[in-house]
């Protein structure tokens, strides 16, 4: 079973055996764990995030 890439949701924190992870961090986790995190709103799959404009890099407002 290969790992799934997820991004921790903004404003969320997740603690794993590898450490403390904050919003915006990308991690590779086992599929069951990824599904749980997505279901609880703690993370989004990286593939899903690429389709949503809000998940793209922040744009600067210098006008």
PDB file of N, CA and C in Angstrom:
ATOM      1  N   UNK A   1       0.851  -1.169   0.000  1.00  0.00           N
ATOM      2  CA  UNK A   1       0.000   0.000   0.000  1.00  0.00           C
ATOM      3  C   UNK A   1       0.903   1.239   0.000  1.00  0.00           C
ATOM      4  N   UNK A   2       0.778   2.083  -1.036  1.00  0.00           N
ATOM      5  CA  UNK A   2       1.627   3.274  -1.093  1.00  0.00           C
ATOM      6  C   UNK A   2       0.962   4.433  -0.356  1.00  0.00           C
ATOM      7  N   UNK A   3       1.776   5.351   0.097  1.00  0.00           N
ATOM      8  CA  UNK A   3       1.277   6.494   0.848  1.00  0.00           C
ATOM      9  C   UNK A   3       0.555   7.485  -0.058  1.00  0.00           C
ATOM     10  N   UNK A   4      -0.266   8.319   0.567  1.00  0.00           N
ATOM     11  CA  UNK A   4      -1.040   9.346  -0.113  1.00  0.00           C
ATOM     12  C   UNK A   4      -0.524  10.697   0.365  1.00  0.00           C
ATOM     13  N   UNK A   5      -0.383  11.653  -0.564  1.00  0.00           N
ATOM     14  CA  UNK A   5       0.079  12.988  -0.180  1.00  0.00           C
ATOM     15  C   UNK A   5      -1.117  13.838   0.235  1.00  0.00           C
ATOM     16  N   UNK A   6      -0.993  14.447   1.411  1.00  0.00           N
ATOM     17  CA  UNK A   6      -2.024  15.352   1.916  1.00  0.00           C
ATOM     18  C   UNK A   6      -1.363  16.645   2.368  1.00  0.00           C
ATOM     19  N   UNK A   7      -2.161  17.695   2.395  1.00  0.00           N
ATOM     20  CA  UNK A   7      -1.711  18.980   2.925  1.00  0.00           C
ATOM     21  C   UNK A   7      -2.556  19.275   4.156  1.00  0.00           C
ATOM     22  N   UNK A   8      -1.892  19.595   5.261  1.00  0.00           N
ATOM     23  CA  UNK A   8      -2.612  19.935   6.488  1.00  0.00           C
ATOM     24  C   UNK A   8      -3.420  21.207   6.222  1.00  0.00           C
ATOM     25  N   UNK A   9      -4.683  21.201   6.630  1.00  0.00           N
ATOM     26  CA  UNK A   9      -5.573  22.335   6.393  1.00  0.00           C
ATOM     27  C   UNK A   9      -5.090  23.567   7.152  1.00  0.00           C
ATOM     28  N   UNK A  10      -5.301  24.739   6.542  1.00  0.00           N
ATOM     29  CA  UNK A  10      -4.933  25.995   7.196  1.00  0.00           C
ATOM     30  C   UNK A  10      -5.638  26.100   8.543  1.00  0.00           C
ATOM     31  N   UNK A  11      -4.921  26.547   9.540  1.00  0.00           N
ATOM     32  CA  UNK A  11      -5.479  26.705  10.869  1.00  0.00           C
ATOM     33  C   UNK A  11      -5.524  25.422  11.688  1.00  0.00           C
ATOM     34  N   UNK A  12      -5.058  24.323  11.119  1.00  0.00           N
ATOM     35  CA  UNK A  12      -5.058  23.038  11.823  1.00  0.00           C
ATOM     36  C   UNK A  12      -3.642  22.641  12.206  1.00  0.00           C
ATOM     37  N   UNK A  13      -3.555  21.770  13.189  1.00  0.00           N
ATOM     38  CA  UNK A  13      -2.283  21.183  13.606  1.00  0.00           C
ATOM     39  C   UNK A  13      -2.520  19.691  13.803  1.00  0.00           C
ATOM     40  N   UNK A  14      -1.547  18.897  13.380  1.00  0.00           N
ATOM     41  CA  UNK A  14      -1.642  17.445  13.520  1.00  0.00           C
ATOM     42  C   UNK A  14      -0.341  16.959  14.135  1.00  0.00           C
ATOM     43  N   UNK A  15      -0.456  16.109  15.147  1.00  0.00           N
ATOM     44  CA  UNK A  15       0.731  15.534  15.780  1.00  0.00           C
ATOM     45  C   UNK A  15       0.806  14.063  15.385  1.00  0.00           C
ATOM     46  N   UNK A  16       1.968  13.669  14.863  1.00  0.00           N
ATOM     47  CA  UNK A  16       2.196  12.274  14.489  1.00  0.00           C
ATOM     48  C   UNK A  16       3.451  11.785  15.193  1.00  0.00           C
ATOM     49  N   UNK A  17       3.797  10.537  14.963  1.00  0.00           N
ATOM     50  CA  UNK A  17       5.035  10.021  15.544  1.00  0.00           C
ATOM     51  C   UNK A  17       6.257  10.702  14.936  1.00  0.00           C
ATOM     52  N   UNK A  18       6.073  11.409  13.835  1.00  0.00           N
ATOM     53  CA  UNK A  18       7.177  12.138  13.192  1.00  0.00           C
ATOM     54  C   UNK A  18       7.289  13.585  13.655  1.00  0.00           C
ATOM     55  N   UNK A  19       6.318  14.048  14.439  1.00  0.00           N
ATOM     56  CA  UNK A  19       6.406  15.412  14.953  1.00  0.00           C
ATOM     57  C   UNK A  19       5.093  16.166  14.868  1.00  0.00           C
ATOM     58  N   UNK A  20       5.203  17.475  15.033  1.00  0.00           N
ATOM     59  CA  UNK A  20       4.071  18.391  15.074  1.00  0.00           C
ATOM     60  C   UNK A  20       3.990  19.072  13.713  1.00  0.00           C
ATOM     61  N   UNK A  21       2.860  18.965  13.035  1.00  0.00           N
ATOM     62  CA  UNK A  21       2.710  19.485  11.676  1.00  0.00           C
ATOM     63  C   UNK A  21       1.644  20.575  11.669  1.00  0.00           C
ATOM     64  N   UNK A  22       1.906  21.621  10.897  1.00  0.00           N
ATOM     65  CA  UNK A  22       1.044  22.800  10.886  1.00  0.00           C
ATOM     66  C   UNK A  22       0.381  22.989   9.527  1.00  0.00           C
ATOM     67  N   UNK A  23      -0.667  23.827   9.485  1.00  0.00           N
ATOM     68  CA  UNK A  23      -1.383  24.118   8.253  1.00  0.00           C
ATOM     69  C   UNK A  23      -0.445  24.467   7.110  1.00  0.00           C
ATOM     70  N   UNK A  24      -0.699  23.875   5.953  1.00  0.00           N
ATOM     71  CA  UNK A  24       0.108  24.120   4.772  1.00  0.00           C
ATOM     72  C   UNK A  24       1.189  23.085   4.532  1.00  0.00           C
ATOM     73  N   UNK A  25       1.546  22.323   5.558  1.00  0.00           N
ATOM     74  CA  UNK A  25       2.580  21.289   5.388  1.00  0.00           C
ATOM     75  C   UNK A  25       2.024  20.123   4.583  1.00  0.00           C
ATOM     76  N   UNK A  26       2.857  19.567   3.715  1.00  0.00           N
ATOM     77  CA  UNK A  26       2.482  18.375   2.963  1.00  0.00           C
ATOM     78  C   UNK A  26       3.171  17.159   3.563  1.00  0.00           C
ATOM     79  N   UNK A  27       2.400  16.086   3.684  1.00  0.00           N
ATOM     80  CA  UNK A  27       2.914  14.836   4.243  1.00  0.00           C
ATOM     81  C   UNK A  27       2.473  13.665   3.373  1.00  0.00           C
ATOM     82  N   UNK A  28       3.235  12.597   3.411  1.00  0.00           N
ATOM     83  CA  UNK A  28       2.841  11.339   2.775  1.00  0.00           C
ATOM     84  C   UNK A  28       2.442  10.387   3.896  1.00  0.00           C
ATOM     85  N   UNK A  29       1.172   9.981   3.896  1.00  0.00           N
ATOM     86  CA  UNK A  29       0.651   9.132   4.966  1.00  0.00           C
ATOM     87  C   UNK A  29      -0.078   7.931   4.364  1.00  0.00           C
ATOM     88  N   UNK A  30      -0.264   6.868   5.148  1.00  0.00           N
ATOM     89  CA  UNK A  30      -1.008   5.699   4.660  1.00  0.00           C
ATOM     90  C   UNK A  30      -2.449   6.086   4.284  1.00  0.00           C
ATOM     91  N   UNK A  31      -3.017   5.453   3.261  1.00  0.00           N
ATOM     92  CA  UNK A  31      -4.370   5.791   2.807  1.00  0.00           C
ATOM     93  C   UNK A  31      -5.445   5.827   3.899  1.00  0.00           C
ATOM     94  N   UNK A  32      -5.499   4.858   4.837  1.00  0.00           N
ATOM     95  CA  UNK A  32      -6.546   4.939   5.868  1.00  0.00           C
ATOM     96  C   UNK A  32      -6.415   6.204   6.734  1.00  0.00           C
ATOM     97  N   UNK A  33      -5.187   6.579   7.041  1.00  0.00           N
ATOM     98  CA  UNK A  33      -4.969   7.782   7.843  1.00  0.00           C
ATOM     99  C   UNK A  33      -5.344   9.024   7.043  1.00  0.00           C
ATOM    100  N   UNK A  34      -4.976   9.062   5.773  1.00  0.00           N
ATOM    101  CA  UNK A  34      -5.327  10.193   4.909  1.00  0.00           C
ATOM    102  C   UNK A  34      -6.843  10.352   4.833  1.00  0.00           C
ATOM    103  N   UNK A  35      -7.556   9.248   4.663  1.00  0.00           N
ATOM    104  CA  UNK A  35      -9.020   9.302   4.587  1.00  0.00           C
ATOM    105  C   UNK A  35      -9.620   9.864   5.869  1.00  0.00           C
ATOM    106  N   UNK A  36      -9.090   9.449   7.009  1.00  0.00           N
ATOM    107  CA  UNK A  36      -9.589   9.940   8.296  1.00  0.00           C
ATOM    108  C   UNK A  36      -9.339  11.439   8.431  1.00  0.00           C
ATOM    109  N   UNK A  37      -8.128  11.879   8.116  1.00  0.00           N
ATOM    110  CA  UNK A  37      -7.791  13.301   8.230  1.00  0.00           C
ATOM    111  C   UNK A  37      -8.665  14.148   7.317  1.00  0.00           C
ATOM    112  N   UNK A  38      -8.907  13.669   6.093  1.00  0.00           N
ATOM    113  CA  UNK A  38      -9.754  14.407   5.151  1.00  0.00           C
ATOM    114  C   UNK A  38     -11.185  14.444   5.674  1.00  0.00           C
ATOM    115  N   UNK A  39     -11.682  13.325   6.172  1.00  0.00           N
ATOM    116  CA  UNK A  39     -13.052  13.248   6.692  1.00  0.00           C
ATOM    117  C   UNK A  39     -13.267  14.227   7.846  1.00  0.00           C
ATOM    118  N   UNK A  40     -12.269  14.371   8.719  1.00  0.00           N
ATOM    119  CA  UNK A  40     -12.391  15.274   9.859  1.00  0.00           C
ATOM    120  C   UNK A  40     -12.050  16.722   9.516  1.00  0.00           C
ATOM    121  N   UNK A  41     -11.617  16.969   8.270  1.00  0.00           N
ATOM    122  CA  UNK A  41     -11.291  18.335   7.860  1.00  0.00           C
ATOM    123  C   UNK A  41      -9.911  18.787   8.291  1.00  0.00           C
ATOM    124  N   UNK A  42      -9.069  17.856   8.683  1.00  0.00           N
ATOM    125  CA  UNK A  42      -7.722  18.206   9.134  1.00  0.00           C
ATOM    126  C   UNK A  42      -6.753  18.368   7.982  1.00  0.00           C
ATOM    127  N   UNK A  43      -7.082  17.758   6.828  1.00  0.00           N
ATOM    128  CA  UNK A  43      -6.172  17.791   5.680  1.00  0.00           C
ATOM    129  C   UNK A  43      -6.975  17.660   4.395  1.00  0.00           C
ATOM    130  N   UNK A  44      -6.313  17.974   3.277  1.00  0.00           N
ATOM    131  CA  UNK A  44      -6.885  17.753   1.946  1.00  0.00           C
ATOM    132  C   UNK A  44      -5.869  16.977   1.134  1.00  0.00           C
ATOM    133  N   UNK A  45      -6.361  16.120   0.268  1.00  0.00           N
ATOM    134  CA  UNK A  45      -5.445  15.407  -0.622  1.00  0.00           C
ATOM    135  C   UNK A  45      -4.793  16.431  -1.534  1.00  0.00           C
ATOM    136  N   UNK A  46      -3.520  16.253  -1.805  1.00  0.00           N
ATOM    137  CA  UNK A  46      -2.788  17.212  -2.625  1.00  0.00           C
ATOM    138  C   UNK A  46      -3.389  17.289  -4.023  1.00  0.00           C
ATOM    139  N   UNK A  47      -3.840  16.169  -4.598  1.00  0.00           N
ATOM    140  CA  UNK A  47      -4.445  16.177  -5.927  1.00  0.00           C
ATOM    141  C   UNK A  47      -5.721  17.013  -5.931  1.00  0.00           C
ATOM    142  N   UNK A  48      -6.518  16.926  -4.864  1.00  0.00           N
ATOM    143  CA  UNK A  48      -7.752  17.703  -4.765  1.00  0.00           C
ATOM    144  C   UNK A  48      -7.438  19.178  -4.596  1.00  0.00           C
ATOM    145  N   UNK A  49      -6.416  19.473  -3.833  1.00  0.00           N
ATOM    146  CA  UNK A  49      -6.071  20.862  -3.550  1.00  0.00           C
ATOM    147  C   UNK A  49      -5.670  21.596  -4.823  1.00  0.00           C
ATOM    148  N   UNK A  50      -5.052  20.920  -5.771  1.00  0.00           N
ATOM    149  CA  UNK A  50      -4.602  21.558  -7.002  1.00  0.00           C
ATOM    150  C   UNK A  50      -5.782  22.035  -7.844  1.00  0.00           C
ATOM    151  N   UNK A  51      -6.961  21.456  -7.650  1.00  0.00           N
ATOM    152  CA  UNK A  51      -8.137  21.836  -8.424  1.00  0.00           C
ATOM    153  C   UNK A  51      -8.879  23.024  -7.838  1.00  0.00           C
ATOM    154  N   UNK A  52      -8.558  23.407  -6.629  1.00  0.00           N
ATOM    155  CA  UNK A  52      -9.288  24.471  -5.949  1.00  0.00           C
ATOM    156  C   UNK A  52      -8.454  25.746  -5.923  1.00  0.00           C
ATOM    157  N   UNK A  53      -8.981  26.861  -6.433  1.00  0.00           N
ATOM    158  CA  UNK A  53      -8.211  28.111  -6.456  1.00  0.00           C
ATOM    159  C   UNK A  53      -7.744  28.553  -5.077  1.00  0.00           C
ATOM    160  N   UNK A  54      -8.537  28.350  -4.039  1.00  0.00           N
ATOM    161  CA  UNK A  54      -8.162  28.794  -2.697  1.00  0.00           C
ATOM    162  C   UNK A  54      -6.945  28.048  -2.168  1.00  0.00           C
ATOM    163  N   UNK A  55      -6.677  26.868  -2.688  1.00  0.00           N
ATOM    164  CA  UNK A  55      -5.568  26.066  -2.177  1.00  0.00           C
ATOM    165  C   UNK A  55      -4.249  26.376  -2.876  1.00  0.00           C
ATOM    166  N   UNK A  56      -4.301  27.173  -3.932  1.00  0.00           N
ATOM    167  CA  UNK A  56      -3.072  27.522  -4.633  1.00  0.00           C
ATOM    168  C   UNK A  56      -2.281  28.511  -3.800  1.00  0.00           C
ATOM    169  N   UNK A  57      -1.066  28.797  -4.227  1.00  0.00           N
ATOM    170  CA  UNK A  57      -0.204  29.722  -3.495  1.00  0.00           C
ATOM    171  C   UNK A  57      -0.853  31.076  -3.301  1.00  0.00           C
ATOM    172  N   UNK A  58      -0.530  31.712  -2.207  1.00  0.00           N
ATOM    173  CA  UNK A  58      -1.109  33.019  -1.906  1.00  0.00           C
ATOM    174  C   UNK A  58      -0.623  34.046  -2.916  1.00  0.00           C
ATOM    175  N   UNK A  59      -1.535  34.887  -3.367  1.00  0.00           N
ATOM    176  CA  UNK A  59      -1.177  35.947  -4.294  1.00  0.00           C
ATOM    177  C   UNK A  59      -0.972  37.226  -3.504  1.00  0.00           C
ATOM    178  N   UNK A  60       0.075  37.962  -3.857  1.00  0.00           N
ATOM    179  CA  UNK A  60       0.318  39.215  -3.145  1.00  0.00           C
ATOM    180  C   UNK A  60      -0.604  40.291  -3.689  1.00  0.00           C
ATOM    181  N   UNK A  61      -1.010  41.175  -2.832  1.00  0.00           N
ATOM    182  CA  UNK A  61      -1.876  42.285  -3.230  1.00  0.00           C
ATOM    183  C   UNK A  61      -1.080  43.570  -3.133  1.00  0.00           C
ATOM    184  N   UNK A  62      -0.342  43.852  -4.168  1.00  0.00           N
ATOM    185  CA  UNK A  62       0.498  45.052  -4.164  1.00  0.00           C
ATOM    186  C   UNK A  62       0.018  46.017  -5.235  1.00  0.00           C
ATOM    187  N   UNK A  63      -1.189  46.569  -5.064  1.00  0.00           N
ATOM    188  CA  UNK A  63      -1.688  47.551  -6.020  1.00  0.00           C
ATOM    189  C   UNK A  63      -1.954  48.859  -5.332  1.00  0.00           C
TER     190      UNK A  63
END
